[in-house]
């Protein structure tokens, strides 16, 4: 009986150890980075399915259970329900907010480094592995950044005037385009905004209107028609468009969408 009891205690302790290394992320980007850095040292659960925008997500009972069992919770601060969720669950998990974008290679590198540091602090026995895997992934981001920059230069993206949804301004600017006007979430915009943006776009000779998929694209499509510009839709989350299973795929696809859109433009005109 004592041997059986001892085995039961051992199983219980192992279960606690495994649960203590569960990392819950609110969305797919943080989840992807945590899996890359953590690998087998942690178990990662992402609440929001790939491709979904955090601000429009409806929580499920399984999400509550995941948060209750977490040792670490990573979120961006764009989840309006996060504070309410943490208060309702009453979890003892370490909740870390990692604000800011991730949709350029430099921004993605920063997020990877932040996650590496959080994991190293919470699970110090695995810190060396976290660092090695973060460094390897950063090399991949750097290689992609070099490729995208060189391609942008080759196709003459620098200085092409565009109007852009504000959540894509960082990436579009990084690619070399000139953002002559930007706009916010479509549901917050009025007909007056459309008129003003049309005037700004026409005056600057905007060639593209660049939208963000997760915030809605109808306003941008209408604006592009008014300006007589090409309408381009980019995404901030992997999985929402074909061929964007990872963040690296997403950055590559967003760049390719921009390159394709400027092919018909007479860059020497």
C-alpha atoms as a PDB file:
ATOM      1  CA  UNK A   1       0.000   0.000   0.000  1.00  0.00           C
ATOM      2  CA  UNK A   2       2.817   2.382   0.812  1.00  0.00           C
ATOM      3  CA  UNK A   3       4.377   1.749  -2.601  1.00  0.00           C
ATOM      4  CA  UNK A   4       1.068   2.498  -4.347  1.00  0.00           C
ATOM      5  CA  UNK A   5       0.620   5.646  -2.266  1.00  0.00           C
ATOM      6  CA  UNK A   6       4.155   6.752  -3.069  1.00  0.00           C
ATOM      7  CA  UNK A   7       3.510   6.254  -6.784  1.00  0.00           C
ATOM      8  CA  UNK A   8       0.346   8.298  -6.477  1.00  0.00           C
ATOM      9  CA  UNK A   9       2.273  11.134  -4.840  1.00  0.00           C
ATOM     10  CA  UNK A  10       4.909  10.937  -7.567  1.00  0.00           C
ATOM     11  CA  UNK A  11       2.277  11.161 -10.300  1.00  0.00           C
ATOM     12  CA  UNK A  12       0.712  14.121  -8.538  1.00  0.00           C
ATOM     13  CA  UNK A  13       4.057  15.905  -8.280  1.00  0.00           C
ATOM     14  CA  UNK A  14       4.844  15.269 -11.942  1.00  0.00           C
ATOM     15  CA  UNK A  15       1.433  16.628 -12.885  1.00  0.00           C
ATOM     16  CA  UNK A  16       2.083  19.782 -10.869  1.00  0.00           C
ATOM     17  CA  UNK A  17       5.493  20.196 -12.518  1.00  0.00           C
ATOM     18  CA  UNK A  18       3.997  19.923 -15.994  1.00  0.00           C
ATOM     19  CA  UNK A  19       1.192  22.329 -15.184  1.00  0.00           C
ATOM     20  CA  UNK A  20       3.705  24.816 -13.761  1.00  0.00           C
ATOM     21  CA  UNK A  21       5.323  25.092 -17.198  1.00  0.00           C
ATOM     22  CA  UNK A  22       2.179  25.868 -19.141  1.00  0.00           C
ATOM     23  CA  UNK A  23       2.314  29.178 -20.980  1.00  0.00           C
ATOM     24  CA  UNK A  24      -0.945  30.667 -22.217  1.00  0.00           C
ATOM     25  CA  UNK A  25      -0.883  33.332 -24.933  1.00  0.00           C
ATOM     26  CA  UNK A  26      -3.862  35.320 -26.080  1.00  0.00           C
ATOM     27  CA  UNK A  27      -3.144  35.221 -29.805  1.00  0.00           C
ATOM     28  CA  UNK A  28      -1.296  33.183 -32.401  1.00  0.00           C
ATOM     29  CA  UNK A  29       1.720  35.457 -32.839  1.00  0.00           C
ATOM     30  CA  UNK A  30       2.750  35.348 -29.193  1.00  0.00           C
ATOM     31  CA  UNK A  31       1.956  31.641 -29.187  1.00  0.00           C
ATOM     32  CA  UNK A  32       4.186  30.988 -32.186  1.00  0.00           C
ATOM     33  CA  UNK A  33       7.101  32.898 -30.688  1.00  0.00           C
ATOM     34  CA  UNK A  34       6.689  31.153 -27.333  1.00  0.00           C
ATOM     35  CA  UNK A  35       6.703  27.729 -29.009  1.00  0.00           C
ATOM     36  CA  UNK A  36       9.809  28.554 -31.028  1.00  0.00           C
ATOM     37  CA  UNK A  37      11.720  29.827 -28.010  1.00  0.00           C
ATOM     38  CA  UNK A  38      10.358  27.338 -25.476  1.00  0.00           C
ATOM     39  CA  UNK A  39      10.157  24.195 -27.600  1.00  0.00           C
ATOM     40  CA  UNK A  40       9.893  21.091 -25.377  1.00  0.00           C
ATOM     41  CA  UNK A  41      10.628  23.000 -22.163  1.00  0.00           C
ATOM     42  CA  UNK A  42       7.103  24.458 -22.005  1.00  0.00           C
ATOM     43  CA  UNK A  43       3.560  23.696 -23.110  1.00  0.00           C
ATOM     44  CA  UNK A  44       1.983  26.584 -25.040  1.00  0.00           C
ATOM     45  CA  UNK A  45      -1.764  27.141 -25.336  1.00  0.00           C
ATOM     46  CA  UNK A  46      -3.044  29.986 -27.528  1.00  0.00           C
ATOM     47  CA  UNK A  47      -6.555  31.158 -26.685  1.00  0.00           C
ATOM     48  CA  UNK A  48      -7.420  32.811 -29.985  1.00  0.00           C
ATOM     49  CA  UNK A  49      -7.297  30.696 -33.160  1.00  0.00           C
ATOM     50  CA  UNK A  50      -4.811  31.672 -35.820  1.00  0.00           C
ATOM     51  CA  UNK A  51      -6.027  34.496 -38.026  1.00  0.00           C
ATOM     52  CA  UNK A  52      -8.482  36.024 -35.544  1.00  0.00           C
ATOM     53  CA  UNK A  53      -8.247  39.547 -34.185  1.00  0.00           C
ATOM     54  CA  UNK A  54      -8.013  39.640 -30.344  1.00  0.00           C
ATOM     55  CA  UNK A  55     -10.368  42.589 -29.968  1.00  0.00           C
ATOM     56  CA  UNK A  56     -13.254  40.703 -31.605  1.00  0.00           C
ATOM     57  CA  UNK A  57     -12.803  37.338 -29.939  1.00  0.00           C
ATOM     58  CA  UNK A  58     -15.483  35.748 -27.716  1.00  0.00           C
ATOM     59  CA  UNK A  59     -14.107  33.719 -24.806  1.00  0.00           C
ATOM     60  CA  UNK A  60     -15.121  30.090 -24.267  1.00  0.00           C
ATOM     61  CA  UNK A  61     -15.166  27.931 -21.105  1.00  0.00           C
ATOM     62  CA  UNK A  62     -12.022  26.136 -22.293  1.00  0.00           C
ATOM     63  CA  UNK A  63     -10.228  29.482 -22.379  1.00  0.00           C
ATOM     64  CA  UNK A  64     -11.062  30.039 -18.721  1.00  0.00           C
ATOM     65  CA  UNK A  65      -9.742  26.591 -17.856  1.00  0.00           C
ATOM     66  CA  UNK A  66      -6.496  27.245 -19.731  1.00  0.00           C
ATOM     67  CA  UNK A  67      -5.892  30.491 -17.862  1.00  0.00           C
ATOM     68  CA  UNK A  68      -6.617  28.831 -14.518  1.00  0.00           C
ATOM     69  CA  UNK A  69      -3.921  26.196 -15.178  1.00  0.00           C
ATOM     70  CA  UNK A  70      -1.298  28.573 -16.575  1.00  0.00           C
ATOM     71  CA  UNK A  71       2.036  29.428 -15.008  1.00  0.00           C
ATOM     72  CA  UNK A  72       2.621  32.340 -17.406  1.00  0.00           C
ATOM     73  CA  UNK A  73       0.169  34.374 -19.470  1.00  0.00           C
ATOM     74  CA  UNK A  74       1.386  36.522 -22.362  1.00  0.00           C
ATOM     75  CA  UNK A  75      -0.843  39.166 -23.910  1.00  0.00           C
ATOM     76  CA  UNK A  76      -0.492  42.307 -26.025  1.00  0.00           C
ATOM     77  CA  UNK A  77      -2.866  44.731 -24.331  1.00  0.00           C
ATOM     78  CA  UNK A  78      -5.186  44.900 -27.349  1.00  0.00           C
ATOM     79  CA  UNK A  79      -7.491  42.326 -25.755  1.00  0.00           C
ATOM     80  CA  UNK A  80     -10.297  44.365 -24.152  1.00  0.00           C
ATOM     81  CA  UNK A  81     -11.445  41.336 -22.137  1.00  0.00           C
ATOM     82  CA  UNK A  82      -8.099  40.422 -20.574  1.00  0.00           C
ATOM     83  CA  UNK A  83      -8.317  42.296 -17.258  1.00  0.00           C
ATOM     84  CA  UNK A  84     -11.865  41.071 -16.709  1.00  0.00           C
ATOM     85  CA  UNK A  85     -10.764  37.507 -17.442  1.00  0.00           C
ATOM     86  CA  UNK A  86      -7.849  37.634 -15.012  1.00  0.00           C
ATOM     87  CA  UNK A  87     -10.027  39.123 -12.272  1.00  0.00           C
ATOM     88  CA  UNK A  88     -12.774  36.558 -12.813  1.00  0.00           C
ATOM     89  CA  UNK A  89     -10.467  33.547 -12.830  1.00  0.00           C
ATOM     90  CA  UNK A  90      -8.304  34.693  -9.945  1.00  0.00           C
ATOM     91  CA  UNK A  91      -5.242  32.920 -11.335  1.00  0.00           C
ATOM     92  CA  UNK A  92      -1.839  32.859  -9.667  1.00  0.00           C
ATOM     93  CA  UNK A  93      -0.133  32.907 -13.078  1.00  0.00           C
ATOM     94  CA  UNK A  94       2.440  35.539 -13.939  1.00  0.00           C
ATOM     95  CA  UNK A  95       0.646  37.754 -16.487  1.00  0.00           C
ATOM     96  CA  UNK A  96       2.987  39.743 -18.730  1.00  0.00           C
ATOM     97  CA  UNK A  97       1.843  42.401 -21.160  1.00  0.00           C
ATOM     98  CA  UNK A  98       3.979  42.725 -24.284  1.00  0.00           C
ATOM     99  CA  UNK A  99       2.604  45.801 -26.038  1.00  0.00           C
ATOM    100  CA  UNK A 100       3.489  47.019 -29.477  1.00  0.00           C
ATOM    101  CA  UNK A 101       3.496  45.677 -33.030  1.00  0.00           C
ATOM    102  CA  UNK A 102       5.178  42.575 -34.456  1.00  0.00           C
ATOM    103  CA  UNK A 103       4.565  43.077 -38.167  1.00  0.00           C
ATOM    104  CA  UNK A 104       8.101  44.055 -39.180  1.00  0.00           C
ATOM    105  CA  UNK A 105      11.194  41.896 -38.731  1.00  0.00           C
ATOM    106  CA  UNK A 106      12.595  44.343 -36.170  1.00  0.00           C
ATOM    107  CA  UNK A 107       9.365  44.387 -34.175  1.00  0.00           C
ATOM    108  CA  UNK A 108       9.121  40.591 -34.325  1.00  0.00           C
ATOM    109  CA  UNK A 109      12.708  40.303 -33.046  1.00  0.00           C
ATOM    110  CA  UNK A 110      11.829  42.512 -30.096  1.00  0.00           C
ATOM    111  CA  UNK A 111       8.854  40.311 -29.212  1.00  0.00           C
ATOM    112  CA  UNK A 112      10.987  37.162 -29.435  1.00  0.00           C
ATOM    113  CA  UNK A 113      13.580  38.699 -27.106  1.00  0.00           C
ATOM    114  CA  UNK A 114      10.899  39.798 -24.649  1.00  0.00           C
ATOM    115  CA  UNK A 115       9.408  36.310 -24.564  1.00  0.00           C
ATOM    116  CA  UNK A 116      12.862  34.773 -24.182  1.00  0.00           C
ATOM    117  CA  UNK A 117      13.507  36.956 -21.152  1.00  0.00           C
ATOM    118  CA  UNK A 118      10.121  36.225 -19.554  1.00  0.00           C
ATOM    119  CA  UNK A 119      10.577  32.485 -19.978  1.00  0.00           C
ATOM    120  CA  UNK A 120      14.158  32.590 -18.696  1.00  0.00           C
ATOM    121  CA  UNK A 121      13.012  34.407 -15.567  1.00  0.00           C
ATOM    122  CA  UNK A 122      10.183  31.970 -14.879  1.00  0.00           C
ATOM    123  CA  UNK A 123      11.992  28.771 -15.917  1.00  0.00           C
ATOM    124  CA  UNK A 124      15.696  29.494 -15.300  1.00  0.00           C
ATOM    125  CA  UNK A 125      16.763  25.853 -15.693  1.00  0.00           C
ATOM    126  CA  UNK A 126      15.926  26.101 -19.414  1.00  0.00           C
ATOM    127  CA  UNK A 127      17.307  29.615 -19.993  1.00  0.00           C
ATOM    128  CA  UNK A 128      20.227  28.521 -22.177  1.00  0.00           C
ATOM    129  CA  UNK A 129      17.907  26.671 -24.523  1.00  0.00           C
ATOM    130  CA  UNK A 130      15.588  29.674 -24.740  1.00  0.00           C
ATOM    131  CA  UNK A 131      18.520  31.894 -25.721  1.00  0.00           C
ATOM    132  CA  UNK A 132      19.858  29.497 -28.366  1.00  0.00           C
ATOM    133  CA  UNK A 133      16.485  29.057 -30.053  1.00  0.00           C
ATOM    134  CA  UNK A 134      15.705  32.781 -29.923  1.00  0.00           C
ATOM    135  CA  UNK A 135      19.054  33.579 -31.558  1.00  0.00           C
ATOM    136  CA  UNK A 136      18.440  31.017 -34.308  1.00  0.00           C
ATOM    137  CA  UNK A 137      15.002  32.442 -35.082  1.00  0.00           C
ATOM    138  CA  UNK A 138      16.327  36.002 -35.083  1.00  0.00           C
ATOM    139  CA  UNK A 139      18.809  34.933 -37.765  1.00  0.00           C
ATOM    140  CA  UNK A 140      15.863  33.775 -39.872  1.00  0.00           C
ATOM    141  CA  UNK A 141      14.129  37.116 -39.382  1.00  0.00           C
ATOM    142  CA  UNK A 142      17.290  38.986 -40.351  1.00  0.00           C
ATOM    143  CA  UNK A 143      17.696  36.912 -43.510  1.00  0.00           C
ATOM    144  CA  UNK A 144      14.079  37.560 -44.522  1.00  0.00           C
ATOM    145  CA  UNK A 145      14.448  41.284 -43.770  1.00  0.00           C
ATOM    146  CA  UNK A 146      17.480  41.505 -46.048  1.00  0.00           C
ATOM    147  CA  UNK A 147      15.636  39.711 -48.854  1.00  0.00           C
ATOM    148  CA  UNK A 148      12.525  41.876 -48.582  1.00  0.00           C
ATOM    149  CA  UNK A 149      14.519  45.105 -48.429  1.00  0.00           C
ATOM    150  CA  UNK A 150      16.588  44.205 -51.473  1.00  0.00           C
ATOM    151  CA  UNK A 151      13.466  43.247 -53.417  1.00  0.00           C
ATOM    152  CA  UNK A 152      11.740  46.488 -52.430  1.00  0.00           C
ATOM    153  CA  UNK A 153      14.730  48.440 -53.716  1.00  0.00           C
ATOM    154  CA  UNK A 154      14.801  46.452 -56.945  1.00  0.00           C
ATOM    155  CA  UNK A 155      11.135  47.103 -57.749  1.00  0.00           C
ATOM    156  CA  UNK A 156      11.361  50.785 -56.837  1.00  0.00           C
ATOM    157  CA  UNK A 157       9.047  50.857 -53.825  1.00  0.00           C
ATOM    158  CA  UNK A 158      10.848  53.766 -52.175  1.00  0.00           C
ATOM    159  CA  UNK A 159       8.817  56.933 -52.112  1.00  0.00           C
ATOM    160  CA  UNK A 160       5.656  55.585 -53.752  1.00  0.00           C
ATOM    161  CA  UNK A 161       2.796  57.545 -52.093  1.00  0.00           C
ATOM    162  CA  UNK A 162       0.132  55.462 -50.365  1.00  0.00           C
ATOM    163  CA  UNK A 163      -2.782  55.806 -47.979  1.00  0.00           C
ATOM    164  CA  UNK A 164      -2.650  53.202 -45.244  1.00  0.00           C
ATOM    165  CA  UNK A 165      -4.703  51.744 -42.400  1.00  0.00           C
ATOM    166  CA  UNK A 166      -2.809  52.736 -39.263  1.00  0.00           C
ATOM    167  CA  UNK A 167      -2.142  49.160 -38.107  1.00  0.00           C
ATOM    168  CA  UNK A 168      -0.067  48.559 -41.248  1.00  0.00           C
ATOM    169  CA  UNK A 169       1.811  51.870 -41.314  1.00  0.00           C
ATOM    170  CA  UNK A 170       4.890  50.403 -39.603  1.00  0.00           C
ATOM    171  CA  UNK A 171       5.338  47.621 -42.141  1.00  0.00           C
ATOM    172  CA  UNK A 172       4.523  49.771 -45.159  1.00  0.00           C
ATOM    173  CA  UNK A 173       6.944  52.491 -44.066  1.00  0.00           C
ATOM    174  CA  UNK A 174       9.620  49.885 -43.357  1.00  0.00           C
ATOM    175  CA  UNK A 175       9.206  48.654 -46.930  1.00  0.00           C
ATOM    176  CA  UNK A 176      10.030  52.161 -48.163  1.00  0.00           C
ATOM    177  CA  UNK A 177       6.633  53.462 -49.232  1.00  0.00           C
ATOM    178  CA  UNK A 178       5.608  57.025 -48.366  1.00  0.00           C
ATOM    179  CA  UNK A 179       2.466  57.062 -46.233  1.00  0.00           C
ATOM    180  CA  UNK A 180       0.752  60.336 -47.139  1.00  0.00           C
ATOM    181  CA  UNK A 181      -2.343  59.681 -45.001  1.00  0.00           C
ATOM    182  CA  UNK A 182      -3.583  57.012 -42.622  1.00  0.00           C
ATOM    183  CA  UNK A 183      -6.913  56.021 -41.113  1.00  0.00           C
ATOM    184  CA  UNK A 184      -8.164  54.136 -38.089  1.00  0.00           C
ATOM    185  CA  UNK A 185     -10.729  51.422 -37.482  1.00  0.00           C
ATOM    186  CA  UNK A 186     -13.418  51.683 -40.186  1.00  0.00           C
ATOM    187  CA  UNK A 187     -16.334  51.633 -37.745  1.00  0.00           C
ATOM    188  CA  UNK A 188     -14.984  54.836 -36.203  1.00  0.00           C
ATOM    189  CA  UNK A 189     -14.834  56.665 -39.557  1.00  0.00           C
ATOM    190  CA  UNK A 190     -17.453  58.911 -41.102  1.00  0.00           C
ATOM    191  CA  UNK A 191     -18.316  60.159 -44.579  1.00  0.00           C
ATOM    192  CA  UNK A 192     -16.362  63.286 -43.703  1.00  0.00           C
ATOM    193  CA  UNK A 193     -13.287  61.133 -43.115  1.00  0.00           C
ATOM    194  CA  UNK A 194     -13.753  59.515 -46.491  1.00  0.00           C
ATOM    195  CA  UNK A 195     -13.960  62.908 -48.182  1.00  0.00           C
ATOM    196  CA  UNK A 196     -10.875  64.211 -46.362  1.00  0.00           C
ATOM    197  CA  UNK A 197      -8.804  61.106 -47.066  1.00  0.00           C
ATOM    198  CA  UNK A 198      -9.843  61.179 -50.698  1.00  0.00           C
ATOM    199  CA  UNK A 199      -8.650  64.763 -50.982  1.00  0.00           C
ATOM    200  CA  UNK A 200      -5.350  63.966 -49.282  1.00  0.00           C
ATOM    201  CA  UNK A 201      -4.799  60.898 -51.405  1.00  0.00           C
ATOM    202  CA  UNK A 202      -5.544  62.690 -54.663  1.00  0.00           C
ATOM    203  CA  UNK A 203      -3.371  65.668 -53.765  1.00  0.00           C
ATOM    204  CA  UNK A 204      -0.423  63.404 -52.981  1.00  0.00           C
ATOM    205  CA  UNK A 205      -0.973  61.181 -55.987  1.00  0.00           C
ATOM    206  CA  UNK A 206      -1.453  58.095 -53.819  1.00  0.00           C
ATOM    207  CA  UNK A 207      -0.978  54.920 -55.859  1.00  0.00           C
ATOM    208  CA  UNK A 208      -2.169  52.421 -53.266  1.00  0.00           C
ATOM    209  CA  UNK A 209      -4.718  52.204 -50.473  1.00  0.00           C
ATOM    210  CA  UNK A 210      -3.418  49.612 -48.028  1.00  0.00           C
ATOM    211  CA  UNK A 211      -5.873  47.899 -45.725  1.00  0.00           C
ATOM    212  CA  UNK A 212      -5.619  45.629 -42.693  1.00  0.00           C
ATOM    213  CA  UNK A 213      -7.686  42.460 -43.067  1.00  0.00           C
ATOM    214  CA  UNK A 214      -8.651  42.072 -39.417  1.00  0.00           C
ATOM    215  CA  UNK A 215     -10.046  45.607 -39.109  1.00  0.00           C
ATOM    216  CA  UNK A 216     -12.326  45.335 -42.154  1.00  0.00           C
ATOM    217  CA  UNK A 217     -11.656  46.248 -45.767  1.00  0.00           C
ATOM    218  CA  UNK A 218     -14.837  47.843 -47.136  1.00  0.00           C
ATOM    219  CA  UNK A 219     -13.822  51.395 -46.229  1.00  0.00           C
ATOM    220  CA  UNK A 220     -10.409  50.982 -47.860  1.00  0.00           C
ATOM    221  CA  UNK A 221     -11.954  49.530 -51.003  1.00  0.00           C
ATOM    222  CA  UNK A 222     -14.293  52.512 -51.307  1.00  0.00           C
ATOM    223  CA  UNK A 223     -11.428  54.942 -50.663  1.00  0.00           C
ATOM    224  CA  UNK A 224      -9.300  53.258 -53.340  1.00  0.00           C
ATOM    225  CA  UNK A 225     -12.113  53.695 -55.873  1.00  0.00           C
ATOM    226  CA  UNK A 226     -12.450  57.379 -55.004  1.00  0.00           C
ATOM    227  CA  UNK A 227      -8.696  57.970 -55.365  1.00  0.00           C
ATOM    228  CA  UNK A 228      -8.395  55.658 -58.381  1.00  0.00           C
ATOM    229  CA  UNK A 229      -5.695  53.721 -56.542  1.00  0.00           C
ATOM    230  CA  UNK A 230      -4.925  50.012 -56.190  1.00  0.00           C
ATOM    231  CA  UNK A 231      -6.505  48.431 -53.116  1.00  0.00           C
ATOM    232  CA  UNK A 232      -4.123  46.126 -51.218  1.00  0.00           C
ATOM    233  CA  UNK A 233      -5.091  43.996 -48.215  1.00  0.00           C
ATOM    234  CA  UNK A 234      -2.434  42.946 -45.693  1.00  0.00           C
ATOM    235  CA  UNK A 235      -2.809  40.908 -42.513  1.00  0.00           C
ATOM    236  CA  UNK A 236      -1.424  41.265 -39.004  1.00  0.00           C
ATOM    237  CA  UNK A 237      -1.988  37.636 -38.014  1.00  0.00           C
ATOM    238  CA  UNK A 238      -0.733  34.399 -39.563  1.00  0.00           C
ATOM    239  CA  UNK A 239      -3.280  31.908 -40.786  1.00  0.00           C
ATOM    240  CA  UNK A 240      -5.815  34.421 -42.054  1.00  0.00           C
ATOM    241  CA  UNK A 241      -4.623  34.226 -45.678  1.00  0.00           C
ATOM    242  CA  UNK A 242      -3.443  31.262 -47.742  1.00  0.00           C
ATOM    243  CA  UNK A 243       0.256  30.576 -47.369  1.00  0.00           C
ATOM    244  CA  UNK A 244       0.631  32.462 -44.093  1.00  0.00           C
ATOM    245  CA  UNK A 245       0.958  29.662 -41.572  1.00  0.00           C
ATOM    246  CA  UNK A 246       3.800  31.399 -39.713  1.00  0.00           C
ATOM    247  CA  UNK A 247       4.928  34.945 -38.999  1.00  0.00           C
ATOM    248  CA  UNK A 248       7.778  34.555 -41.497  1.00  0.00           C
ATOM    249  CA  UNK A 249       5.230  33.475 -44.118  1.00  0.00           C
ATOM    250  CA  UNK A 250       3.027  36.428 -43.179  1.00  0.00           C
ATOM    251  CA  UNK A 251       5.785  39.015 -43.609  1.00  0.00           C
ATOM    252  CA  UNK A 252       6.756  37.479 -46.941  1.00  0.00           C
ATOM    253  CA  UNK A 253       3.136  37.393 -48.152  1.00  0.00           C
ATOM    254  CA  UNK A 254       2.467  41.006 -47.114  1.00  0.00           C
ATOM    255  CA  UNK A 255       5.564  42.149 -48.980  1.00  0.00           C
ATOM    256  CA  UNK A 256       4.610  40.117 -52.049  1.00  0.00           C
ATOM    257  CA  UNK A 257       1.149  41.714 -52.053  1.00  0.00           C
ATOM    258  CA  UNK A 258       2.717  45.164 -52.122  1.00  0.00           C
ATOM    259  CA  UNK A 259       5.189  44.216 -54.842  1.00  0.00           C
ATOM    260  CA  UNK A 260       2.408  42.779 -57.000  1.00  0.00           C
ATOM    261  CA  UNK A 261       0.321  45.921 -56.558  1.00  0.00           C
ATOM    262  CA  UNK A 262       3.028  48.266 -57.849  1.00  0.00           C
ATOM    263  CA  UNK A 263       3.991  46.187 -60.901  1.00  0.00           C
ATOM    264  CA  UNK A 264       1.548  48.044 -63.189  1.00  0.00           C
ATOM    265  CA  UNK A 265       2.623  51.453 -61.892  1.00  0.00           C
ATOM    266  CA  UNK A 266       4.856  53.553 -64.158  1.00  0.00           C
ATOM    267  CA  UNK A 267       7.625  54.260 -61.663  1.00  0.00           C
ATOM    268  CA  UNK A 268       9.377  56.599 -64.024  1.00  0.00           C
ATOM    269  CA  UNK A 269       6.344  58.791 -64.593  1.00  0.00           C
END
